[in-house]
Amino acid sequence: MKSAYIYVRVSTDEQRRRGYSLIEQEERLLEYCATNNIQVCGIFREDHSAKDFNRPEWKKLIKAIKKNKSRPPGNILFLKWDRFSRNIQYAYQMIEILKNLNFQAMAIDQPIDFEVPEAIVILAIYLSIPQAENSRRGKNTSDGLRRAKKLGRFAGKAPIGYQNTSTPDGKRFILPKQPEADHVKWLFQQFATGNYTISQVAKMAELNGFRSKETVRRLLRKSIYCGFVTVSANKDEDMQIIKGIHEPLISEDLFQTVQALLISRRRQRGIMQSMKPLFPLRGFLTCPDCTRRLTGSISKGRSSKYRYYHCYSPKCKVRFRAEELEKEYEKHLKNMKVVPGVVELFKLILEDENILTVKNGLLEEREILFNEFAKEERFMLRVRKLFVDDKIDYEDFSSLKKEQKEKSYYLNEKLTEVNQKISKNDIDAETEWSCFNPDILFSYKNQDIVSQRQIIGLLRPTSINPITGNLNLLQINAALSQIIMYNTKFAK
């Protein structure tokens, strides 16, 4: 009696499209073994792609064969060769491995007599057909995705912040997914301020609960988030940017601002120490035991990460939860208000100085751009004259024309941006000061980390109670005490 292992395999795609099942294959193979008096040594059921042999059940099968030290001649039975492999190269390599183990692969519906030399040709046909089917299927899928993208539909795997869904007629598209969508929007907004590096934004996002295997840098480059779908280039077409039908998470202006920061490769100054955006009070607090400055660090717990302010000295074991101290500080700010008369004075001064200075700067910038436009026009007139006089060839002329076109496009973008700022300047100035809130806490919470630390520098906490962990009253210098009122009656 001969012996054999039975190997049955399906893939999810084939189960859905062709109706294959593990049970049907197994019944056919068992019937074949019973008819031909073959002893079944084991049955291995696989639900995995045949693009290679990195399959869980196949590995177990090879391990079972290697366990038998005597290794008598045996067979591995399956229905067709496409159950064995869909890659010619890997198939031939595995046939050779099995031969060294004294085993032979056999397809009962496509039998091959390996003793006959011409069987090599038949085997090549059996193995090449599944690979050709895979290639055709892959090309059809790729062409379908490309056609969908040209229509503005993102039909592939949804990026972070979106989820895949389908219309009643089966057309796939993407919808925002919460809370990931808010995290992605927050990443763009924080990096666009120019106050943080990518690594700092990534650390802050992680503390806020954002989990992603994708790097933040790669995420910030995706135009899908501002409503566009990218159709990659191929041998027949250049890369295309198509307006998508999905809901954008951010505006085009915000996306362009982020791209300008990334493409220019300008190193933003940001914060000197990477931990400071996470610890606004760092450097302003003193240890209640040794009076040294408190620093900040992140401690990893079982299920989350926690922020702590602690002493620089390794001998000092003092540490406080960052969230609690920051809430204590904000509680003191809540009791503060700017004197009403000072608010009105600030408005008058800043309207005369600050706002006019900004507007004058924008007008100067626009004048510089106009001069640059004129300079480029004069340059191209000289280039055209040299080309007409045959003093430069067509290739040089085309290259110079292309450079000038790119520069003009950049100048036009800058000019549009400056004009928009000028037109909004008066409106923004009025709305900004009409909405001015004299509460110190309100002003503090609506600032970026740089401005928050400047406020802390002016309104420093004096000390920490070592028993309760509470911050003591703020230290206000003499000048600020003339324009700031501190009273518990303002607390809510």
Foldseek 3Di string as FASTA:
>chain_A
DAEEEEEFEDEPVCCVVPVDDRVVFVVVVVVVCVVVVYHYPYYFYFHDQQQAQPGDRSVVVVVVLVVPVVQEAHEYETAACVRVHQDPVRSVVVQVVQVVSNYHYAHPNQGADPVDPCSVVVVCVRNPVSNVVVVVVVVVVLVVCLVCQQVQARADQDDFQWHWDADPVGHIHIAGDPPRLVLLLVLLVVVLVLQDDQVLSVVVSVQVPDDDPDRNVVSLLDCVQQQWGWRPDDPVGHIDIHRHPYDHSDHPVSSVSNVCCVVVPDRRPHDPDSCCLVQLCFPQAADPPPRAGWHKDWDDDDPHIFIWTGHPDPVDPDIDGRVVAVVLVLLQLLQKFFDVVVLVVVLVVCVVPVLVVVLVVLVVVLVVLVVVVVVLVVVLVVLVVCVVVVVDDPVVNVVSVVVSVVVVVVSVVVNVVSVVCNVCSVVCSVVVSVPDGRRRSVVLVPDRSVVNSVVCVQWGFDHADRPPRHTDHTDHDPVVVVGMDGDPVSRD
